[in-house]
Amino acid sequence: MPSSPLYPYTLLRSKRKTLALQITREGEIVVRSPLKLPEEEIRRFVAEKSPWIQKHLEQISARHSQALPPLSQEERVRLGNLALQEIPRRVEYFAPLVGVDYGRITIRAQHTRWGSCSSKGNLNFNFLLVLCPPEVLDYVVVHELCHRLEMNHSARFWKGVERVLPDYCSRRGWLREQGGLLLDRLK
């Protein structure tokens, strides 16, 4: 396992053209590198990113100290049933505002995603969304519905989200800051 002066990391080399740094939800540092990039350059990159790494490791540590107990099977069933009632209602409300139709709605216990949209227009949502503030659930619904117009995260996609939810950034921020605590309950 290579390491920088401060942080051990896992190095994954591939045919990519740029360096990328990832910190997993468990606090593991992963560096993705072009195949032939010298090790010294990779170490320098990780060292330059030390403040960013430290900040994210502290956030992960804080999240782990606030960890909530895993959901019981009964709680999962109850929340799943609640999600089956609430989320389709929100999709039905927002679809005309976005200006799209949609296919099937599926509610799942996803460990890493809040929602997804297939090319056929089928929507998947994490049942944990019912534990989020209502405006955050609405953000995820609008986000996935906007993928019916743009199957990417281009500027045009974000303009579509902003047209329906001008304050989407704060809603998205809540999910980024607090969502990990909820996802950890699926362990």
N, C-alpha and C. Protein backbone atom coordinates (compact mmCIF):
# COMPACT_ATOMS: atom_id res chain seq x y z
N MET A 1 0.86 -1.18 0.00
CA MET A 1 0.00 0.00 0.00
C MET A 1 0.90 1.23 0.00
N PRO A 2 0.85 2.05 -1.06
CA PRO A 2 1.63 3.27 -1.08
C PRO A 2 1.10 4.23 -0.03
N SER A 3 1.89 5.25 0.27
CA SER A 3 1.38 6.24 1.20
C SER A 3 2.07 7.57 0.98
N SER A 4 1.39 8.62 1.41
CA SER A 4 1.98 9.95 1.41
C SER A 4 2.63 10.11 2.77
N PRO A 5 3.32 11.22 3.02
CA PRO A 5 3.91 11.41 4.34
C PRO A 5 2.88 11.32 5.47
N LEU A 6 1.62 11.68 5.18
CA LEU A 6 0.61 11.70 6.23
C LEU A 6 -0.43 10.59 6.14
N TYR A 7 -0.80 10.19 4.94
CA TYR A 7 -1.96 9.32 4.78
C TYR A 7 -1.66 8.09 3.94
N PRO A 8 -1.95 6.90 4.46
CA PRO A 8 -1.87 5.71 3.61
C PRO A 8 -3.03 5.70 2.61
N TYR A 9 -2.79 5.16 1.44
CA TYR A 9 -3.84 5.12 0.44
C TYR A 9 -3.71 3.88 -0.42
N THR A 10 -4.81 3.54 -1.07
CA THR A 10 -4.84 2.45 -2.03
C THR A 10 -4.70 3.08 -3.41
N LEU A 11 -3.81 2.55 -4.21
CA LEU A 11 -3.57 3.08 -5.55
C LEU A 11 -4.19 2.15 -6.59
N LEU A 12 -5.02 2.72 -7.44
CA LEU A 12 -5.64 1.96 -8.53
C LEU A 12 -5.22 2.62 -9.84
N ARG A 13 -4.48 1.88 -10.65
CA ARG A 13 -4.03 2.40 -11.94
C ARG A 13 -4.93 1.87 -13.05
N SER A 14 -5.18 2.75 -14.02
CA SER A 14 -6.00 2.35 -15.17
C SER A 14 -5.64 3.24 -16.36
N LYS A 15 -6.36 3.09 -17.44
CA LYS A 15 -6.07 3.86 -18.65
C LYS A 15 -6.63 5.28 -18.59
N ARG A 16 -6.95 5.75 -17.42
CA ARG A 16 -7.45 7.12 -17.26
C ARG A 16 -6.36 8.14 -17.56
N LYS A 17 -6.74 9.39 -17.73
CA LYS A 17 -5.78 10.43 -18.08
C LYS A 17 -5.42 11.35 -16.93
N THR A 18 -6.23 11.33 -15.87
CA THR A 18 -6.00 12.25 -14.75
C THR A 18 -5.94 11.50 -13.43
N LEU A 19 -5.41 12.19 -12.43
CA LEU A 19 -5.41 11.67 -11.07
C LEU A 19 -6.74 12.00 -10.41
N ALA A 20 -7.21 11.11 -9.57
CA ALA A 20 -8.43 11.37 -8.80
C ALA A 20 -8.25 10.82 -7.40
N LEU A 21 -8.86 11.52 -6.44
CA LEU A 21 -8.77 11.14 -5.04
C LEU A 21 -10.18 10.90 -4.52
N GLN A 22 -10.35 9.80 -3.80
CA GLN A 22 -11.65 9.46 -3.23
C GLN A 22 -11.45 9.04 -1.79
N ILE A 23 -12.37 9.43 -0.94
CA ILE A 23 -12.39 8.92 0.43
C ILE A 23 -13.70 8.18 0.58
N THR A 24 -13.62 6.90 0.90
CA THR A 24 -14.83 6.09 1.03
C THR A 24 -15.57 6.48 2.31
N ARG A 25 -16.81 6.01 2.43
CA ARG A 25 -17.60 6.31 3.63
C ARG A 25 -16.95 5.75 4.88
N GLU A 26 -16.08 4.76 4.71
CA GLU A 26 -15.39 4.17 5.86
C GLU A 26 -14.09 4.91 6.18
N GLY A 27 -13.72 5.90 5.37
CA GLY A 27 -12.52 6.69 5.63
C GLY A 27 -11.28 6.16 4.94
N GLU A 28 -11.43 5.27 3.98
CA GLU A 28 -10.27 4.77 3.23
C GLU A 28 -9.98 5.71 2.07
N ILE A 29 -8.71 5.99 1.85
CA ILE A 29 -8.30 6.89 0.78
C ILE A 29 -7.92 6.06 -0.44
N VAL A 30 -8.52 6.41 -1.57
CA VAL A 30 -8.26 5.71 -2.83
C VAL A 30 -7.78 6.74 -3.84
N VAL A 31 -6.65 6.43 -4.46
CA VAL A 31 -6.11 7.29 -5.52
C VAL A 31 -6.21 6.53 -6.83
N ARG A 32 -6.81 7.17 -7.82
CA ARG A 32 -6.91 6.58 -9.16
C ARG A 32 -5.93 7.33 -10.04
N SER A 33 -5.10 6.56 -10.75
CA SER A 33 -3.99 7.15 -11.48
C SER A 33 -3.86 6.58 -12.88
N PRO A 34 -3.31 7.40 -13.81
CA PRO A 34 -2.94 6.84 -15.12
C PRO A 34 -1.90 5.73 -14.93
N LEU A 35 -1.85 4.81 -15.86
CA LEU A 35 -0.99 3.63 -15.74
C LEU A 35 0.47 3.95 -15.47
N LYS A 36 1.04 4.90 -16.20
CA LYS A 36 2.49 5.11 -16.14
C LYS A 36 2.92 6.34 -15.35
N LEU A 37 2.04 6.93 -14.60
CA LEU A 37 2.40 8.11 -13.82
C LEU A 37 3.38 7.72 -12.72
N PRO A 38 4.50 8.45 -12.59
CA PRO A 38 5.49 8.11 -11.56
C PRO A 38 4.91 8.18 -10.14
N GLU A 39 5.37 7.27 -9.33
CA GLU A 39 4.92 7.18 -7.93
C GLU A 39 5.16 8.50 -7.18
N GLU A 40 6.27 9.13 -7.47
CA GLU A 40 6.61 10.39 -6.80
C GLU A 40 5.56 11.47 -7.08
N GLU A 41 5.07 11.52 -8.30
CA GLU A 41 4.04 12.50 -8.66
C GLU A 41 2.73 12.21 -7.94
N ILE A 42 2.43 10.94 -7.77
CA ILE A 42 1.21 10.54 -7.06
C ILE A 42 1.32 10.94 -5.59
N ARG A 43 2.46 10.68 -4.97
CA ARG A 43 2.66 11.05 -3.56
C ARG A 43 2.55 12.56 -3.38
N ARG A 44 3.12 13.31 -4.32
CA ARG A 44 3.05 14.78 -4.25
C ARG A 44 1.58 15.24 -4.33
N PHE A 45 0.83 14.61 -5.22
CA PHE A 45 -0.60 14.93 -5.38
C PHE A 45 -1.34 14.71 -4.06
N VAL A 46 -1.11 13.56 -3.43
CA VAL A 46 -1.79 13.26 -2.17
C VAL A 46 -1.36 14.26 -1.09
N ALA A 47 -0.08 14.60 -1.04
CA ALA A 47 0.40 15.57 -0.05
C ALA A 47 -0.25 16.93 -0.26
N GLU A 48 -0.41 17.35 -1.51
CA GLU A 48 -1.05 18.64 -1.81
C GLU A 48 -2.51 18.65 -1.37
N LYS A 49 -3.12 17.49 -1.38
CA LYS A 49 -4.55 17.38 -1.02
C LYS A 49 -4.75 17.13 0.48
N SER A 50 -3.67 17.17 1.25
CA SER A 50 -3.76 16.87 2.69
C SER A 50 -4.83 17.67 3.43
N PRO A 51 -4.95 18.99 3.21
CA PRO A 51 -6.01 19.71 3.93
C PRO A 51 -7.41 19.18 3.59
N TRP A 52 -7.64 18.88 2.32
CA TRP A 52 -8.93 18.34 1.89
C TRP A 52 -9.17 16.97 2.53
N ILE A 53 -8.14 16.14 2.52
CA ILE A 53 -8.25 14.80 3.13
C ILE A 53 -8.57 14.93 4.61
N GLN A 54 -7.82 15.77 5.32
CA GLN A 54 -8.02 15.94 6.76
C GLN A 54 -9.45 16.38 7.06
N LYS A 55 -9.95 17.35 6.30
CA LYS A 55 -11.31 17.85 6.51
C LYS A 55 -12.33 16.72 6.35
N HIS A 56 -12.18 15.92 5.31
CA HIS A 56 -13.14 14.85 5.08
C HIS A 56 -13.01 13.71 6.08
N LEU A 57 -11.80 13.40 6.50
CA LEU A 57 -11.63 12.37 7.53
C LEU A 57 -12.25 12.81 8.85
N GLU A 58 -12.14 14.10 9.17
CA GLU A 58 -12.77 14.62 10.39
C GLU A 58 -14.29 14.53 10.30
N GLN A 59 -14.84 14.82 9.12
CA GLN A 59 -16.29 14.71 8.93
C GLN A 59 -16.75 13.27 9.10
N ILE A 60 -15.98 12.34 8.56
CA ILE A 60 -16.33 10.92 8.68
C ILE A 60 -16.27 10.49 10.14
N SER A 61 -15.24 10.94 10.84
CA SER A 61 -15.10 10.61 12.25
C SER A 61 -16.26 11.17 13.06
N ALA A 62 -16.64 12.40 12.77
CA ALA A 62 -17.77 13.02 13.48
C ALA A 62 -19.06 12.25 13.19
N ARG A 63 -19.23 11.84 11.94
CA ARG A 63 -20.43 11.10 11.57
C ARG A 63 -20.47 9.77 12.32
N HIS A 64 -19.33 9.12 12.42
CA HIS A 64 -19.30 7.83 13.11
C HIS A 64 -19.59 8.00 14.60
N SER A 65 -19.18 9.14 15.17
CA SER A 65 -19.45 9.36 16.60
C SER A 65 -20.93 9.66 16.84
N GLN A 66 -21.64 10.11 15.80
CA GLN A 66 -23.07 10.39 15.91
C GLN A 66 -23.92 9.22 15.42
N ALA A 67 -23.30 8.12 15.10
CA ALA A 67 -23.99 7.00 14.45
C ALA A 67 -25.25 6.59 15.21
N LEU A 68 -26.27 6.33 14.44
CA LEU A 68 -27.54 5.85 14.97
C LEU A 68 -27.57 4.33 14.85
N PRO A 69 -28.39 3.66 15.64
CA PRO A 69 -28.43 2.19 15.54
C PRO A 69 -28.98 1.73 14.20
N PRO A 70 -28.54 0.55 13.74
CA PRO A 70 -29.09 0.01 12.49
C PRO A 70 -30.60 -0.18 12.61
N LEU A 71 -31.28 -0.10 11.49
CA LEU A 71 -32.73 -0.29 11.47
C LEU A 71 -33.08 -1.76 11.65
N SER A 72 -34.07 -2.02 12.46
CA SER A 72 -34.56 -3.39 12.61
C SER A 72 -35.37 -3.76 11.37
N GLN A 73 -35.65 -5.03 11.23
CA GLN A 73 -36.47 -5.48 10.10
C GLN A 73 -37.86 -4.84 10.14
N GLU A 74 -38.42 -4.72 11.34
CA GLU A 74 -39.75 -4.10 11.48
C GLU A 74 -39.71 -2.64 11.04
N GLU A 75 -38.64 -1.92 11.43
CA GLU A 75 -38.52 -0.51 11.03
C GLU A 75 -38.36 -0.39 9.51
N ARG A 76 -37.60 -1.29 8.92
CA ARG A 76 -37.42 -1.26 7.47
C ARG A 76 -38.75 -1.45 6.74
N VAL A 77 -39.54 -2.40 7.23
CA VAL A 77 -40.85 -2.67 6.61
C VAL A 77 -41.75 -1.44 6.77
N ARG A 78 -41.79 -0.88 7.97
CA ARG A 78 -42.64 0.29 8.22
C ARG A 78 -42.22 1.47 7.34
N LEU A 79 -40.92 1.74 7.28
CA LEU A 79 -40.43 2.85 6.45
C LEU A 79 -40.64 2.58 4.97
N GLY A 80 -40.47 1.34 4.56
CA GLY A 80 -40.70 0.97 3.17
C GLY A 80 -42.15 1.21 2.77
N ASN A 81 -43.08 0.85 3.65
CA ASN A 81 -44.51 1.07 3.37
C ASN A 81 -44.83 2.57 3.32
N LEU A 82 -44.22 3.32 4.22
CA LEU A 82 -44.43 4.77 4.22
C LEU A 82 -43.88 5.39 2.93
N ALA A 83 -42.71 4.92 2.51
CA ALA A 83 -42.11 5.42 1.26
C ALA A 83 -42.99 5.08 0.06
N LEU A 84 -43.59 3.88 0.06
CA LEU A 84 -44.48 3.48 -1.03
C LEU A 84 -45.71 4.38 -1.14
N GLN A 85 -46.10 4.97 -0.04
CA GLN A 85 -47.23 5.91 -0.05
C GLN A 85 -46.78 7.31 -0.44
N GLU A 86 -45.70 7.78 0.17
CA GLU A 86 -45.30 9.18 0.04
C GLU A 86 -44.56 9.50 -1.26
N ILE A 87 -43.59 8.70 -1.63
CA ILE A 87 -42.75 9.05 -2.78
C ILE A 87 -43.53 9.10 -4.09
N PRO A 88 -44.37 8.12 -4.43
CA PRO A 88 -45.15 8.24 -5.67
C PRO A 88 -46.03 9.49 -5.70
N ARG A 89 -46.54 9.90 -4.54
CA ARG A 89 -47.34 11.11 -4.45
C ARG A 89 -46.51 12.34 -4.83
N ARG A 90 -45.26 12.38 -4.37
CA ARG A 90 -44.37 13.51 -4.67
C ARG A 90 -43.96 13.48 -6.15
N VAL A 91 -43.72 12.29 -6.68
CA VAL A 91 -43.38 12.16 -8.11
C VAL A 91 -44.54 12.66 -8.95
N GLU A 92 -45.76 12.24 -8.60
CA GLU A 92 -46.95 12.66 -9.34
C GLU A 92 -47.11 14.19 -9.31
N TYR A 93 -46.79 14.80 -8.17
CA TYR A 93 -46.91 16.25 -8.05
C TYR A 93 -45.86 16.97 -8.91
N PHE A 94 -44.62 16.51 -8.86
CA PHE A 94 -43.53 17.24 -9.52
C PHE A 94 -43.37 16.94 -11.01
N ALA A 95 -43.81 15.78 -11.49
CA ALA A 95 -43.62 15.43 -12.90
C ALA A 95 -44.18 16.51 -13.85
N PRO A 96 -45.40 17.03 -13.65
CA PRO A 96 -45.88 18.08 -14.54
C PRO A 96 -45.07 19.38 -14.43
N LEU A 97 -44.55 19.67 -13.23
CA LEU A 97 -43.75 20.88 -13.05
C LEU A 97 -42.43 20.77 -13.81
N VAL A 98 -41.86 19.56 -13.85
CA VAL A 98 -40.64 19.32 -14.61
C VAL A 98 -40.97 19.22 -16.09
N GLY A 99 -42.18 18.74 -16.40
CA GLY A 99 -42.62 18.59 -17.78
C GLY A 99 -42.26 17.25 -18.38
N VAL A 100 -42.35 16.20 -17.55
CA VAL A 100 -41.98 14.86 -18.02
C VAL A 100 -43.02 13.84 -17.58
N ASP A 101 -42.95 12.67 -18.22
CA ASP A 101 -43.69 11.52 -17.74
C ASP A 101 -42.66 10.55 -17.16
N TYR A 102 -43.12 9.45 -16.64
CA TYR A 102 -42.21 8.48 -16.02
C TYR A 102 -42.84 7.11 -16.09
N GLY A 103 -42.01 6.11 -15.86
CA GLY A 103 -42.47 4.73 -15.90
C GLY A 103 -42.78 4.23 -14.50
N ARG A 104 -42.23 3.11 -14.18
CA ARG A 104 -42.45 2.44 -12.90
C ARG A 104 -41.67 3.14 -11.78
N ILE A 105 -42.22 3.15 -10.59
CA ILE A 105 -41.52 3.67 -9.41
C ILE A 105 -41.21 2.49 -8.50
N THR A 106 -39.95 2.35 -8.14
CA THR A 106 -39.53 1.26 -7.25
C THR A 106 -38.89 1.86 -6.01
N ILE A 107 -39.22 1.30 -4.86
CA ILE A 107 -38.63 1.74 -3.59
C ILE A 107 -37.68 0.64 -3.13
N ARG A 108 -36.46 1.04 -2.80
CA ARG A 108 -35.43 0.06 -2.43
C ARG A 108 -34.67 0.49 -1.19
N ALA A 109 -33.92 -0.44 -0.64
CA ALA A 109 -32.97 -0.15 0.44
C ALA A 109 -31.59 -0.09 -0.19
N GLN A 110 -31.22 1.07 -0.68
CA GLN A 110 -29.93 1.22 -1.37
C GLN A 110 -28.90 1.76 -0.38
N HIS A 111 -27.72 1.18 -0.41
CA HIS A 111 -26.68 1.55 0.55
C HIS A 111 -25.89 2.78 0.13
N THR A 112 -25.94 3.14 -1.15
CA THR A 112 -25.12 4.25 -1.61
C THR A 112 -25.88 5.28 -2.43
N ARG A 113 -27.09 5.01 -2.82
CA ARG A 113 -27.84 5.93 -3.69
C ARG A 113 -29.14 6.36 -3.06
N TRP A 114 -29.54 7.57 -3.40
CA TRP A 114 -30.84 8.08 -2.96
C TRP A 114 -31.89 7.87 -4.03
N GLY A 115 -31.46 7.81 -5.27
CA GLY A 115 -32.40 7.59 -6.35
C GLY A 115 -31.68 7.35 -7.65
N SER A 116 -32.42 6.90 -8.64
CA SER A 116 -31.86 6.72 -9.98
C SER A 116 -33.01 6.73 -10.98
N CYS A 117 -32.64 6.97 -12.24
CA CYS A 117 -33.62 7.02 -13.32
C CYS A 117 -33.07 6.21 -14.49
N SER A 118 -33.83 5.25 -14.98
CA SER A 118 -33.37 4.44 -16.11
C SER A 118 -33.68 5.15 -17.42
N SER A 119 -33.06 4.69 -18.49
CA SER A 119 -33.31 5.29 -19.81
C SER A 119 -34.75 5.07 -20.25
N LYS A 120 -35.43 4.10 -19.65
CA LYS A 120 -36.84 3.84 -19.97
C LYS A 120 -37.80 4.70 -19.13
N GLY A 121 -37.23 5.50 -18.24
CA GLY A 121 -38.06 6.37 -17.42
C GLY A 121 -38.53 5.76 -16.11
N ASN A 122 -37.97 4.60 -15.76
CA ASN A 122 -38.31 4.00 -14.47
C ASN A 122 -37.50 4.68 -13.38
N LEU A 123 -38.15 4.94 -12.26
CA LEU A 123 -37.53 5.66 -11.16
C LEU A 123 -37.34 4.75 -9.96
N ASN A 124 -36.17 4.82 -9.35
CA ASN A 124 -35.87 4.07 -8.14
C ASN A 124 -35.55 5.06 -7.03
N PHE A 125 -36.08 4.81 -5.84
CA PHE A 125 -35.82 5.68 -4.71
C PHE A 125 -35.47 4.86 -3.48
N ASN A 126 -34.62 5.43 -2.64
CA ASN A 126 -34.24 4.81 -1.39
C ASN A 126 -35.34 5.08 -0.36
N PHE A 127 -35.79 4.04 0.33
CA PHE A 127 -36.87 4.21 1.30
C PHE A 127 -36.47 5.12 2.45
N LEU A 128 -35.16 5.29 2.68
CA LEU A 128 -34.70 6.17 3.75
C LEU A 128 -35.04 7.64 3.51
N LEU A 129 -35.45 7.98 2.30
CA LEU A 129 -35.82 9.37 2.01
C LEU A 129 -36.96 9.85 2.92
N VAL A 130 -37.79 8.93 3.40
CA VAL A 130 -38.88 9.36 4.28
C VAL A 130 -38.37 9.81 5.65
N LEU A 131 -37.10 9.55 5.95
CA LEU A 131 -36.50 10.04 7.19
C LEU A 131 -35.85 11.41 7.00
N CYS A 132 -35.77 11.87 5.77
CA CYS A 132 -35.19 13.17 5.46
C CYS A 132 -36.26 14.25 5.62
N PRO A 133 -35.83 15.51 5.76
CA PRO A 133 -36.82 16.59 5.71
C PRO A 133 -37.58 16.53 4.38
N PRO A 134 -38.86 16.90 4.37
CA PRO A 134 -39.66 16.81 3.14
C PRO A 134 -39.04 17.54 1.95
N GLU A 135 -38.40 18.67 2.20
CA GLU A 135 -37.80 19.42 1.09
C GLU A 135 -36.61 18.66 0.48
N VAL A 136 -35.96 17.82 1.26
CA VAL A 136 -34.85 17.01 0.74
C VAL A 136 -35.41 15.86 -0.11
N LEU A 137 -36.46 15.23 0.37
CA LEU A 137 -37.12 14.19 -0.43
C LEU A 137 -37.56 14.79 -1.76
N ASP A 138 -38.16 15.98 -1.72
CA ASP A 138 -38.60 16.63 -2.95
C ASP A 138 -37.43 16.91 -3.89
N TYR A 139 -36.28 17.29 -3.33
CA TYR A 139 -35.10 17.53 -4.16
C TYR A 139 -34.71 16.26 -4.92
N VAL A 140 -34.68 15.12 -4.24
CA VAL A 140 -34.29 13.87 -4.90
C VAL A 140 -35.31 13.50 -5.98
N VAL A 141 -36.58 13.70 -5.69
CA VAL A 141 -37.62 13.41 -6.69
C VAL A 141 -37.41 14.29 -7.92
N VAL A 142 -37.23 15.59 -7.73
CA VAL A 142 -37.03 16.50 -8.86
C VAL A 142 -35.74 16.15 -9.61
N HIS A 143 -34.69 15.84 -8.87
CA HIS A 143 -33.41 15.46 -9.48
C HIS A 143 -33.61 14.29 -10.44
N GLU A 144 -34.29 13.25 -9.97
CA GLU A 144 -34.49 12.07 -10.82
C GLU A 144 -35.43 12.37 -11.98
N LEU A 145 -36.45 13.16 -11.75
CA LEU A 145 -37.35 13.52 -12.85
C LEU A 145 -36.62 14.34 -13.91
N CYS A 146 -35.70 15.19 -13.51
CA CYS A 146 -34.93 15.99 -14.47
C CYS A 146 -34.03 15.10 -15.34
N HIS A 147 -33.70 13.92 -14.85
CA HIS A 147 -32.94 12.98 -15.68
C HIS A 147 -33.79 12.47 -16.85
N ARG A 148 -35.09 12.67 -16.79
CA ARG A 148 -35.94 12.32 -17.95
C ARG A 148 -35.67 13.27 -19.11
N LEU A 149 -35.13 14.45 -18.80
CA LEU A 149 -34.78 15.43 -19.83
C LEU A 149 -33.30 15.35 -20.20
N GLU A 150 -32.47 15.11 -19.21
CA GLU A 150 -31.01 15.04 -19.40
C GLU A 150 -30.48 13.86 -18.58
N MET A 151 -29.93 12.86 -19.25
CA MET A 151 -29.41 11.68 -18.54
C MET A 151 -27.95 11.90 -18.14
N ASN A 152 -27.68 13.05 -17.57
CA ASN A 152 -26.33 13.41 -17.15
C ASN A 152 -26.44 14.51 -16.09
N HIS A 153 -25.31 15.04 -15.67
CA HIS A 153 -25.31 16.14 -14.71
C HIS A 153 -24.69 17.38 -15.35
N SER A 154 -25.12 17.68 -16.58
CA SER A 154 -24.61 18.84 -17.31
C SER A 154 -25.21 20.12 -16.72
N ALA A 155 -24.70 21.25 -17.20
CA ALA A 155 -25.25 22.55 -16.78
C ALA A 155 -26.74 22.63 -17.12
N ARG A 156 -27.12 22.07 -18.25
CA ARG A 156 -28.54 22.08 -18.64
C ARG A 156 -29.39 21.28 -17.65
N PHE A 157 -28.86 20.15 -17.20
CA PHE A 157 -29.57 19.36 -16.19
C PHE A 157 -29.81 20.19 -14.93
N TRP A 158 -28.75 20.82 -14.40
CA TRP A 158 -28.87 21.59 -13.16
C TRP A 158 -29.78 22.79 -13.33
N LYS A 159 -29.82 23.38 -14.52
CA LYS A 159 -30.77 24.48 -14.78
C LYS A 159 -32.20 23.98 -14.66
N GLY A 160 -32.45 22.75 -15.12
CA GLY A 160 -33.79 22.16 -14.99
C GLY A 160 -34.18 21.96 -13.54
N VAL A 161 -33.23 21.48 -12.73
CA VAL A 161 -33.50 21.30 -11.30
C VAL A 161 -33.78 22.66 -10.67
N GLU A 162 -32.94 23.64 -11.00
CA GLU A 162 -33.07 24.98 -10.42
C GLU A 162 -34.39 25.66 -10.82
N ARG A 163 -34.87 25.40 -12.02
CA ARG A 163 -36.12 25.99 -12.47
C ARG A 163 -37.28 25.57 -11.56
N VAL A 164 -37.26 24.32 -11.10
CA VAL A 164 -38.33 23.81 -10.24
C VAL A 164 -38.04 24.10 -8.77
N LEU A 165 -36.78 23.97 -8.38
CA LEU A 165 -36.37 24.19 -6.98
C LEU A 165 -35.21 25.18 -6.95
N PRO A 166 -35.48 26.48 -6.92
CA PRO A 166 -34.40 27.47 -6.93
C PRO A 166 -33.41 27.32 -5.78
N ASP A 167 -33.85 26.73 -4.66
CA ASP A 167 -32.97 26.54 -3.51
C ASP A 167 -32.40 25.12 -3.42
N TYR A 168 -32.30 24.44 -4.57
CA TYR A 168 -31.88 23.04 -4.55
C TYR A 168 -30.51 22.85 -3.90
N CYS A 169 -29.62 23.85 -3.96
CA CYS A 169 -28.27 23.69 -3.41
C CYS A 169 -28.30 23.42 -1.90
N SER A 170 -29.17 24.10 -1.17
CA SER A 170 -29.23 23.87 0.27
C SER A 170 -29.82 22.49 0.57
N ARG A 171 -30.77 22.07 -0.23
CA ARG A 171 -31.37 20.74 -0.06
C ARG A 171 -30.33 19.65 -0.34
N ARG A 172 -29.59 19.84 -1.41
CA ARG A 172 -28.53 18.91 -1.79
C ARG A 172 -27.44 18.90 -0.71
N GLY A 173 -27.14 20.08 -0.16
CA GLY A 173 -26.15 20.18 0.91
C GLY A 173 -26.54 19.39 2.14
N TRP A 174 -27.83 19.45 2.50
CA TRP A 174 -28.29 18.68 3.66
C TRP A 174 -28.02 17.20 3.43
N LEU A 175 -28.34 16.73 2.23
CA LEU A 175 -28.17 15.32 1.91
C LEU A 175 -26.70 14.92 1.99
N ARG A 176 -25.83 15.77 1.49
CA ARG A 176 -24.39 15.48 1.53
C ARG A 176 -23.86 15.46 2.96
N GLU A 177 -24.36 16.37 3.79
CA GLU A 177 -23.86 16.48 5.16
C GLU A 177 -24.49 15.46 6.11
N GLN A 178 -25.77 15.22 5.96
CA GLN A 178 -26.51 14.39 6.91
C GLN A 178 -26.88 13.00 6.37
N GLY A 179 -26.90 12.86 5.06
CA GLY A 179 -27.37 11.62 4.46
C GLY A 179 -26.58 10.39 4.85
N GLY A 180 -25.28 10.57 5.05
CA GLY A 180 -24.43 9.42 5.43
C GLY A 180 -24.89 8.77 6.72
N LEU A 181 -25.35 9.58 7.67
CA LEU A 181 -25.85 9.03 8.95
C LEU A 181 -27.04 8.11 8.70
N LEU A 182 -27.89 8.49 7.76
CA LEU A 182 -29.05 7.65 7.47
C LEU A 182 -28.64 6.39 6.73
N LEU A 183 -27.76 6.54 5.74
CA LEU A 183 -27.32 5.36 4.98
C LEU A 183 -26.61 4.34 5.89
N ASP A 184 -25.92 4.84 6.90
CA ASP A 184 -25.22 3.94 7.84
C ASP A 184 -26.20 3.06 8.60
N ARG A 185 -27.45 3.45 8.68
CA ARG A 185 -28.44 2.66 9.41
C ARG A 185 -28.84 1.38 8.68
N LEU A 186 -28.39 1.23 7.44
CA LEU A 186 -28.70 0.01 6.67
C LEU A 186 -27.69 -1.11 6.93
N LYS A 187 -26.69 -0.86 7.71
CA LYS A 187 -25.66 -1.87 7.97
C LYS A 187 -26.20 -3.03 8.76
